[in-house]
Protein backbone atom coordinates (compact mmCIF):
# COMPACT_ATOMS: atom_id res chain seq x y z
CA MET A 1 -0.54 -0.18 -0.03
CA ASN A 2 0.91 3.35 -0.39
CA ILE A 3 2.39 5.00 3.14
CA LEU A 4 2.06 8.54 3.82
CA LEU A 5 4.93 9.49 6.51
CA ALA A 6 5.41 13.25 8.12
CA GLY A 7 8.30 14.84 8.92
CA SER A 8 11.76 15.43 8.31
CA GLY A 9 14.39 14.72 10.74
CA GLY A 10 16.54 12.59 11.68
CA ARG A 11 13.79 9.98 13.57
CA GLU A 12 11.66 10.08 10.05
CA HIS A 13 14.58 9.67 8.22
CA ALA A 14 14.87 6.08 10.33
CA LEU A 15 11.52 5.29 10.11
CA ALA A 16 11.89 6.03 6.87
CA TRP A 17 14.62 3.83 6.54
CA LYS A 18 12.52 0.74 7.98
CA LEU A 19 9.40 1.71 6.13
CA ALA A 20 11.44 1.36 2.77
CA GLN A 21 12.02 -2.53 3.56
CA SER A 22 8.25 -2.83 4.59
CA ARG A 23 6.75 -5.58 2.27
CA LEU A 24 3.67 -3.57 2.31
CA VAL A 25 5.79 -0.67 0.44
CA THR A 26 8.28 -2.85 -1.43
CA GLN A 27 5.30 -4.82 -3.53
CA ALA A 28 5.09 -3.56 -7.61
CA GLY A 29 3.36 -0.22 -7.55
CA GLU A 30 3.62 0.71 -3.81
CA THR A 31 4.81 4.21 -2.88
CA LEU A 32 6.52 5.88 0.83
CA TYR A 33 5.91 9.08 0.35
CA ALA A 34 7.31 11.44 3.38
CA THR A 35 6.82 15.17 3.82
CA PRO A 36 8.72 17.32 3.62
CA GLY A 37 11.19 15.06 3.71
CA ASN A 38 15.44 15.76 4.39
CA PRO A 39 17.52 14.55 1.24
CA GLY A 40 18.46 11.58 3.83
CA ILE A 41 14.99 10.55 3.71
CA ALA A 42 14.63 10.85 -0.28
CA GLN A 43 16.96 8.21 -1.05
CA HIS A 44 14.37 5.74 0.33
CA ALA A 45 10.76 7.95 -0.42
CA GLU A 46 9.33 10.40 -2.94
CA LEU A 47 9.34 13.85 -1.10
CA VAL A 48 5.84 15.85 -1.24
CA SER A 49 5.31 19.47 -0.30
CA LEU A 50 2.12 19.62 2.26
CA ASP A 51 1.76 22.23 4.81
CA LEU A 52 1.38 19.73 7.97
CA THR A 53 -1.68 22.15 9.36
CA ASP A 54 -3.99 22.55 6.55
CA HIS A 55 -5.16 19.33 7.24
CA ALA A 56 -7.73 19.33 4.78
CA ALA A 57 -5.11 19.48 2.31
CA VAL A 58 -3.12 16.13 3.70
CA ALA A 59 -6.29 14.89 3.49
CA ALA A 60 -6.80 15.50 0.22
CA PHE A 61 -3.57 14.06 -0.69
CA CYS A 62 -4.29 11.14 0.81
CA GLU A 63 -7.38 10.90 -0.94
CA ASP A 64 -5.75 11.72 -4.40
CA LYS A 65 -2.60 8.84 -3.99
CA ARG A 66 -4.95 6.03 -2.25
CA ILE A 67 -2.73 6.50 1.24
CA GLY A 68 -3.68 3.05 3.31
CA LEU A 69 -1.51 4.50 6.16
CA VAL A 70 -0.52 7.81 7.65
CA VAL A 71 2.56 8.07 9.96
CA ILE A 72 3.13 11.30 11.98
CA GLY A 73 6.63 11.54 13.23
CA PRO A 74 6.84 14.40 15.08
CA GLU A 75 4.64 16.25 18.70
CA ALA A 76 3.29 19.32 16.55
CA PRO A 77 0.80 17.45 13.62
CA LEU A 78 -0.56 15.15 16.32
CA VAL A 79 -0.90 17.85 19.53
CA ASP A 80 -2.69 19.95 16.95
CA GLY A 81 -4.79 17.54 15.72
CA LEU A 82 -3.44 16.10 12.68
CA ALA A 83 -4.52 12.43 13.37
CA ASP A 84 -7.90 13.66 14.07
CA SER A 85 -8.46 14.87 10.94
CA LEU A 86 -7.65 12.31 8.63
CA ARG A 87 -9.13 9.22 11.12
CA ALA A 88 -12.58 11.21 10.18
CA GLY A 89 -12.34 10.42 6.16
CA GLY A 90 -11.54 7.18 7.01
CA VAL A 91 -7.22 6.63 6.96
CA PRO A 92 -5.62 4.75 9.05
CA VAL A 93 -2.72 6.71 10.96
CA PHE A 94 0.00 5.89 13.20
CA GLY A 95 -0.25 8.22 16.29
CA PRO A 96 -2.26 8.97 19.23
CA SER A 97 -5.55 11.87 19.09
CA LYS A 98 -5.50 15.82 19.51
CA ALA A 99 -6.91 14.51 23.22
CA ALA A 100 -4.19 11.29 23.69
CA ALA A 101 -1.74 14.10 22.78
CA GLN A 102 -1.71 15.96 25.52
CA LEU A 103 0.25 13.02 27.39
CA GLU A 104 3.11 15.15 25.86
CA GLY A 105 1.35 18.48 24.75
CA SER A 106 0.72 19.41 28.46
CA LYS A 107 3.19 18.36 31.83
CA GLY A 108 0.38 19.55 34.03
CA PHE A 109 -2.37 16.92 32.60
CA THR A 110 0.32 14.56 32.17
CA LYS A 111 1.34 15.12 35.86
CA ASP A 112 -2.72 15.19 36.94
CA LEU A 113 -3.65 12.45 35.78
CA CYS A 114 -0.86 10.34 37.79
CA GLU A 115 -2.19 11.83 40.76
CA ARG A 116 -5.50 10.30 39.64
CA THR A 117 -4.65 6.74 38.92
CA GLY A 118 -1.58 6.27 41.50
CA ILE A 119 1.52 6.01 38.64
CA PRO A 120 4.73 6.85 40.32
CA THR A 121 5.82 10.09 39.61
CA ALA A 122 7.55 13.17 40.98
CA GLY A 123 4.98 15.24 43.24
CA TYR A 124 4.61 19.21 41.66
CA VAL A 125 3.25 21.72 41.52
CA ARG A 126 0.87 23.65 38.60
CA THR A 127 1.51 27.36 38.10
CA THR A 128 0.02 30.01 35.71
CA SER A 129 2.31 33.06 37.08
CA LEU A 130 5.41 34.15 38.17
CA ASP A 131 3.92 35.49 41.11
CA GLN A 132 1.71 32.00 41.98
CA ALA A 133 5.49 30.18 40.39
CA ARG A 134 7.92 32.39 43.31
CA ALA A 135 5.38 31.55 45.64
CA ALA A 136 5.03 27.87 44.79
CA LEU A 137 9.23 27.56 45.25
CA ASP A 138 8.63 27.52 49.05
CA GLY A 139 7.35 24.07 49.03
CA PHE A 140 10.08 22.80 47.20
CA THR A 141 14.22 22.47 48.01
CA ALA A 142 17.03 22.62 45.63
CA PRO A 143 17.86 22.33 43.34
CA TYR A 144 14.00 22.82 41.46
CA VAL A 145 13.03 21.14 38.23
CA LEU A 146 11.22 23.77 36.41
CA LYS A 147 9.29 22.87 33.03
CA ALA A 148 7.66 24.58 30.34
CA ASP A 149 3.66 23.54 30.17
CA GLY A 150 3.23 22.45 26.28
CA LEU A 151 5.62 21.67 23.61
CA ALA A 152 9.06 23.21 23.84
CA ALA A 153 11.63 21.14 21.35
CA GLY A 154 12.43 19.17 24.23
CA LYS A 155 14.35 21.75 25.84
CA GLY A 156 11.63 23.18 28.19
CA VAL A 157 13.14 22.04 31.15
CA VAL A 158 15.23 24.27 33.24
CA ILE A 159 17.08 22.25 36.79
CA ALA A 160 17.72 25.51 38.99
CA GLU A 161 20.89 24.02 41.13
CA ASP A 162 19.53 27.28 44.08
CA ARG A 163 16.71 29.48 44.29
CA THR A 164 17.81 32.53 42.78
CA GLU A 165 18.75 30.35 39.11
CA ALA A 166 15.40 29.47 40.00
CA GLU A 167 13.68 32.34 40.58
CA THR A 168 15.78 33.93 37.24
CA ALA A 169 14.61 30.34 35.34
CA LEU A 170 10.89 31.39 36.36
CA THR A 171 11.22 35.39 35.00
CA ASP A 172 12.18 33.64 31.27
CA MET A 173 9.90 30.83 31.23
CA PHE A 174 6.75 33.68 32.10
CA GLY A 175 8.64 36.47 30.10
CA GLY A 176 8.27 34.10 26.76
CA ALA A 177 11.63 32.01 26.93
CA PHE A 178 10.02 28.96 25.33
CA GLY A 179 6.75 31.15 24.02
CA GLU A 180 3.38 29.54 24.40
CA ALA A 181 5.11 26.60 25.85
CA GLY A 182 5.38 28.66 29.12
CA ALA A 183 1.97 30.68 29.75
CA GLU A 184 1.58 27.70 32.83
CA VAL A 185 4.80 25.84 34.15
CA VAL A 186 5.16 23.02 36.18
CA ILE A 187 7.66 23.00 39.63
CA GLU A 188 8.42 19.17 40.49
CA GLU A 189 10.71 17.77 42.99
CA PHE A 190 14.23 17.03 42.23
CA MET A 191 14.30 12.73 42.04
CA THR A 192 17.39 11.27 42.05
CA GLY A 193 18.34 7.94 40.42
CA GLU A 194 19.74 6.77 36.69
CA GLU A 195 17.14 7.94 33.36
CA ALA A 196 15.85 5.67 30.84
CA SER A 197 13.17 5.90 28.60
CA PHE A 198 11.04 3.00 27.68
CA PHE A 199 8.32 2.47 24.89
CA ALA A 200 5.19 0.91 23.61
CA LEU A 201 2.86 0.36 20.95
CA THR A 202 -0.39 0.20 22.18
CA ASP A 203 -4.34 0.20 19.80
CA GLY A 204 -5.97 2.02 22.93
CA ALA A 205 -6.39 -2.08 24.06
CA THR A 206 -3.35 -3.78 23.82
CA ILE A 207 -0.10 -2.95 24.90
CA VAL A 208 3.70 -5.04 22.46
CA PRO A 209 6.78 -3.05 24.82
CA PHE A 210 8.91 -2.19 21.31
CA GLY A 211 12.73 -1.79 23.33
CA SER A 212 14.42 0.39 25.90
CA ALA A 213 16.76 3.12 25.44
CA GLN A 214 18.93 5.72 27.33
CA ASP A 215 19.73 9.16 25.72
CA HIS A 216 21.85 11.91 26.73
CA LYS A 217 20.33 15.11 27.01
CA ARG A 218 23.24 17.61 27.76
CA VAL A 219 25.41 19.46 25.11
CA GLY A 220 28.61 18.41 27.00
CA GLU A 221 30.39 15.36 27.52
CA GLY A 222 29.80 14.20 31.18
CA ASP A 223 26.53 15.39 30.90
CA THR A 224 27.46 18.81 31.43
CA GLY A 225 25.89 22.37 30.25
CA PRO A 226 22.47 23.23 29.48
CA ASN A 227 19.48 20.41 27.62
CA THR A 228 19.31 19.94 24.39
CA GLY A 229 16.87 17.55 21.84
CA GLY A 230 19.44 15.19 22.26
CA MET A 231 23.36 14.17 21.64
CA GLY A 232 23.30 10.67 21.56
CA ALA A 233 21.53 6.99 22.45
CA TYR A 234 22.17 3.85 22.72
CA SER A 235 19.46 0.78 22.99
CA PRO A 236 19.19 -1.94 24.74
CA ALA A 237 19.22 0.29 28.41
CA PRO A 238 20.68 -2.46 30.73
CA VAL A 239 19.98 -0.85 33.50
CA LEU A 240 16.09 -1.76 33.00
CA THR A 241 16.30 -5.24 33.78
CA PRO A 242 13.60 -7.12 32.46
CA LEU A 243 11.83 -7.80 36.12
CA LEU A 244 11.44 -3.21 35.67
CA GLU A 245 10.34 -3.42 31.88
CA GLY A 246 7.52 -5.68 34.19
CA GLU A 247 7.24 -2.86 36.37
CA VAL A 248 6.88 -0.26 34.07
CA ILE A 249 4.25 -1.57 32.44
CA GLU A 250 2.04 -2.89 34.91
CA ARG A 251 2.98 0.58 37.27
CA ILE A 252 3.47 2.86 34.67
CA ILE A 253 2.10 2.17 31.22
CA ALA A 254 -0.65 0.23 31.74
CA PRO A 255 -2.48 2.20 34.10
CA THR A 256 -2.16 5.23 31.79
CA VAL A 257 -3.07 3.06 28.96
CA ARG A 258 -6.57 2.00 31.14
CA ALA A 259 -6.77 6.20 32.32
CA MET A 260 -7.22 7.03 28.67
CA ALA A 261 -9.36 4.85 27.27
CA ASN A 262 -12.28 5.32 30.66
CA GLU A 263 -11.89 9.02 30.02
CA GLY A 264 -12.99 8.54 26.68
CA THR A 265 -9.65 9.63 24.92
CA PRO A 266 -8.30 5.94 24.28
CA TYR A 267 -4.87 6.65 23.39
CA SER A 268 -3.12 4.31 19.98
CA GLY A 269 0.16 5.00 18.67
CA VAL A 270 4.17 4.86 20.29
CA LEU A 271 4.39 5.37 23.85
CA TYR A 272 7.62 6.57 25.35
CA ALA A 273 7.86 6.99 28.73
CA GLY A 274 11.27 8.56 30.66
CA LEU A 275 12.10 7.21 33.41
CA MET A 276 13.91 7.94 36.62
CA LEU A 277 14.95 4.44 38.45
CA THR A 278 14.85 5.47 41.61
CA ALA A 279 15.57 4.13 45.02
CA GLN A 280 11.71 3.06 46.08
CA GLY A 281 11.53 2.12 41.82
CA PRO A 282 10.78 3.27 38.63
CA LYS A 283 8.95 6.66 38.88
CA LEU A 284 7.40 8.95 35.78
CA ILE A 285 9.26 11.44 34.27
CA GLU A 286 7.14 12.39 31.81
CA TYR A 287 5.26 11.33 28.12
CA ASN A 288 6.11 11.59 24.85
CA CYS A 289 3.66 10.81 21.83
CA ARG A 290 5.89 9.52 19.35
CA PHE A 291 8.82 7.79 18.79
CA GLY A 292 12.29 9.99 20.47
CA ASP A 293 14.96 11.41 18.66
CA PRO A 294 17.57 10.04 18.92
CA GLU A 295 16.42 7.33 20.58
CA CYS A 296 14.16 6.14 17.29
CA GLN A 297 17.48 5.73 15.50
CA VAL A 298 18.28 3.15 17.79
CA LEU A 299 15.44 1.03 18.06
CA MET A 300 15.46 1.13 14.26
CA MET A 301 19.11 0.08 13.71
CA ARG A 302 17.84 -3.27 16.18
CA LEU A 303 14.26 -3.84 15.11
CA GLU A 304 13.97 -6.98 12.79
CA ASP A 305 10.83 -7.31 12.05
CA ASP A 306 8.36 -5.81 9.37
CA LEU A 307 7.54 -2.07 10.84
CA GLY A 308 4.81 -1.00 8.50
CA GLU A 309 2.78 -3.82 9.24
CA LEU A 310 3.54 -3.47 12.70
CA LEU A 311 2.07 0.36 12.82
CA LEU A 312 -0.44 -0.72 10.44
CA ALA A 313 -1.86 -3.00 13.13
CA CYS A 314 -1.87 -0.81 15.53
CA ALA A 315 -3.70 2.06 13.75
CA GLU A 316 -6.18 -0.10 13.02
CA ASN A 317 -6.82 -1.60 16.34
CA ARG A 318 -5.49 -5.35 15.52
CA LEU A 319 -2.56 -5.25 17.60
CA ALA A 320 -3.83 -8.58 19.86
CA ALA A 321 -3.34 -10.38 16.53
CA CYS A 322 0.12 -9.44 16.17
CA SER A 323 3.87 -11.59 17.80
CA ALA A 324 6.00 -9.54 19.76
CA PRO A 325 8.47 -7.14 17.96
CA ARG A 326 12.13 -9.47 17.88
CA PHE A 327 14.88 -7.13 18.42
CA SER A 328 18.46 -7.70 17.68
CA ALA A 329 20.35 -8.61 20.56
CA ASP A 330 23.30 -6.06 19.71
CA THR A 331 23.58 -2.71 20.98
CA ALA A 332 22.98 0.20 18.61
CA LEU A 333 24.70 3.65 19.93
CA THR A 334 24.15 7.11 17.84
CA VAL A 335 26.01 9.95 18.28
CA VAL A 336 24.82 13.63 16.96
CA VAL A 337 26.57 15.91 14.96
CA ALA A 338 25.38 18.85 15.79
CA ALA A 339 26.29 22.58 14.08
CA ALA A 340 28.11 25.06 16.06
CA GLY A 341 25.85 26.88 18.58
CA TYR A 342 23.51 24.39 19.71
CA PRO A 343 21.49 24.36 21.33
CA GLY A 344 21.68 28.04 21.35
CA THR A 345 21.67 29.40 17.99
CA PRO A 346 23.23 27.13 15.09
CA LYS A 347 24.99 27.72 12.71
CA LYS A 348 23.68 26.35 8.91
CA GLY A 349 25.15 26.12 5.78
CA GLY A 350 28.16 24.20 6.61
CA THR A 351 28.99 21.72 3.77
CA ILE A 352 29.05 18.39 5.09
CA ALA A 353 30.83 15.29 2.98
CA GLY A 354 31.64 11.86 3.21
CA ILE A 355 28.83 10.43 4.42
CA GLY A 356 29.56 7.66 2.12
CA LYS A 357 32.82 7.09 3.78
CA ALA A 358 30.99 6.96 7.14
CA GLU A 359 28.61 4.31 6.00
CA ALA A 360 30.84 2.60 4.72
CA THR A 361 32.56 2.06 8.19
CA GLY A 362 29.24 -0.61 8.14
CA ALA A 363 27.23 2.08 10.30
CA LYS A 364 24.02 4.40 8.99
CA VAL A 365 23.92 8.48 8.75
CA PHE A 366 20.73 9.38 9.18
CA HIS A 367 19.71 13.17 8.40
CA ALA A 368 18.67 15.43 11.28
CA GLY A 369 19.25 18.67 10.07
CA THR A 370 19.95 18.67 6.26
CA ALA A 371 19.66 20.42 2.83
CA LEU A 372 20.69 20.39 -0.96
CA SER A 373 22.21 23.63 -1.89
CA PRO A 374 20.53 25.45 -5.42
CA ASP A 375 23.74 23.25 -6.85
CA GLY A 376 23.33 20.08 -4.76
CA VAL A 377 25.56 20.45 -2.04
CA LEU A 378 24.69 19.07 1.06
CA GLN A 379 24.49 21.60 3.98
CA SER A 380 23.58 21.55 7.14
CA SER A 381 19.84 23.58 8.45
CA GLY A 382 19.07 22.75 11.60
CA GLY A 383 21.21 22.42 15.22
CA ARG A 384 20.92 18.45 15.53
CA VAL A 385 21.99 17.78 11.36
CA LEU A 386 23.29 13.48 11.28
CA ASN A 387 22.78 10.37 13.44
CA VAL A 388 25.43 8.59 13.06
CA THR A 389 24.28 4.64 14.08
CA ALA A 390 26.17 2.02 15.13
CA ARG A 391 25.65 -1.89 15.68
CA GLY A 392 27.97 -3.70 18.15
CA ALA A 393 27.70 -6.73 20.27
CA ASP A 394 28.00 -4.65 23.72
CA VAL A 395 28.21 -0.68 24.43
CA THR A 396 31.47 -0.78 24.41
CA GLU A 397 31.38 -1.77 20.23
CA ALA A 398 28.78 0.22 19.15
CA GLN A 399 30.69 3.16 20.31
CA ALA A 400 33.51 2.16 19.21
CA ALA A 401 32.32 1.51 15.83
CA ALA A 402 30.19 4.89 16.27
CA TYR A 403 32.90 7.52 16.23
CA LYS A 404 35.20 5.39 13.74
CA ALA A 405 32.18 6.44 11.56
CA VAL A 406 32.35 10.25 12.60
CA ASP A 407 35.38 10.35 12.28
CA ALA A 408 35.26 10.20 8.23
CA LEU A 409 32.75 12.40 7.98
CA ASP A 410 34.10 16.58 6.63
CA PHE A 411 32.31 18.74 8.35
CA PRO A 412 33.80 21.37 9.81
CA ASP A 413 31.10 23.39 11.06
CA GLY A 414 29.91 20.43 13.30
CA PHE A 415 30.50 18.94 16.80
CA CYS A 416 29.80 15.60 19.02
CA ARG A 417 30.07 14.43 22.25
CA ARG A 418 32.36 11.87 22.50
CA ASP A 419 30.70 10.25 25.69
CA ILE A 420 28.00 8.54 24.23
CA GLY A 421 27.45 5.56 26.76
CA TRP A 422 29.91 6.68 28.84
CA ARG A 423 28.21 5.17 32.11
CA GLU A 424 27.61 1.82 30.34
CA VAL A 425 31.07 1.82 28.90
CA ALA A 426 32.48 2.16 32.40
CA ARG A 427 29.94 -0.70 33.72
CA GLU A 428 31.36 -3.01 31.51
CA GLN A 429 34.79 -2.40 31.66
CA ASP A 430 33.89 -2.61 35.56
CA ALA A 431 32.41 -5.87 34.92
CA GLY A 432 35.27 -6.84 32.38
């Protein structure tokens, strides 16, 4: 069948790469379309220009091209209700409704749901003004966790080490630093532990585990500096043992899916739980209503089943008939190569070469923020530019393979962290 993939980043390149291998599109006459896509995605899909905020235009395209499945990659179109508009026209969609996407679109919505259903998470207060937020700080101790309630491209979280820093951050947030996303701010208790990510597919009733990962949010090595959309990741996350995964499903994922269904907003798509592994057990940090970026890249490198069939089964409410997805026992690790200046104001237009050499090492380079110049030269066009992804028997081996590929690139304006996977590499060395 014809499939439409919405999005333009590294996550969508990984999805396009895997969807292009699906029997749904390898049959004669079937096409994978992508909008708006990027030069990497163009290697696997036919790019089309659609305004994702113009739901009628997207629906008309789906009708014209006989689209049998729409896969929505980024969160903004989901929070905007694109899935609802397409489903209303009878198009199967992988991704939650506008109401269900509030799990990512509003931090406060999710915290309230956790409180109602007893899902373990940090204590919190929702605030709607600077004065209210300043007063609410009295109920917390440093460090303070401050979150813009709405979508902020992965950058709406501030961890303030003291009261002065917290008040300055709140002034910035309510002053428009994150736009409308900061009109409400959630203040949370600081949780201690190691972070991990767990993914599950659900059609609103059936839950299918879809792997684990750990990412690196800070821009600097040793997890220092400001938060970013993610500087690298690896999968699986050994700290998330099978026993802990079972606890996450039982105490966090399943209650969420049940509550959403019971409240008339059933969740369909991928549910991405950011977790803190505390001394009291796993606690939910936050939900995302789409695959992580760059976690998706490492999941797709390990997935051994047909992604198209899995996503279609989810969209058509028949996950119960599917076998559990099979993943390679290998570790996959991805290194984000970003443009100078990221996560502030990234330098755009830098020339990129050497991708063929990098992939000749056995790695896969996913395009995250690239564009072609008028004369066909590959250039950077965003903050996170490339995701260099490789596999190995363990994190140490996957890390070495990924950096070997990174070193084959020719991107003078780019930089990356050189320690992706460092915690697990240290544990493997200790165990060895």
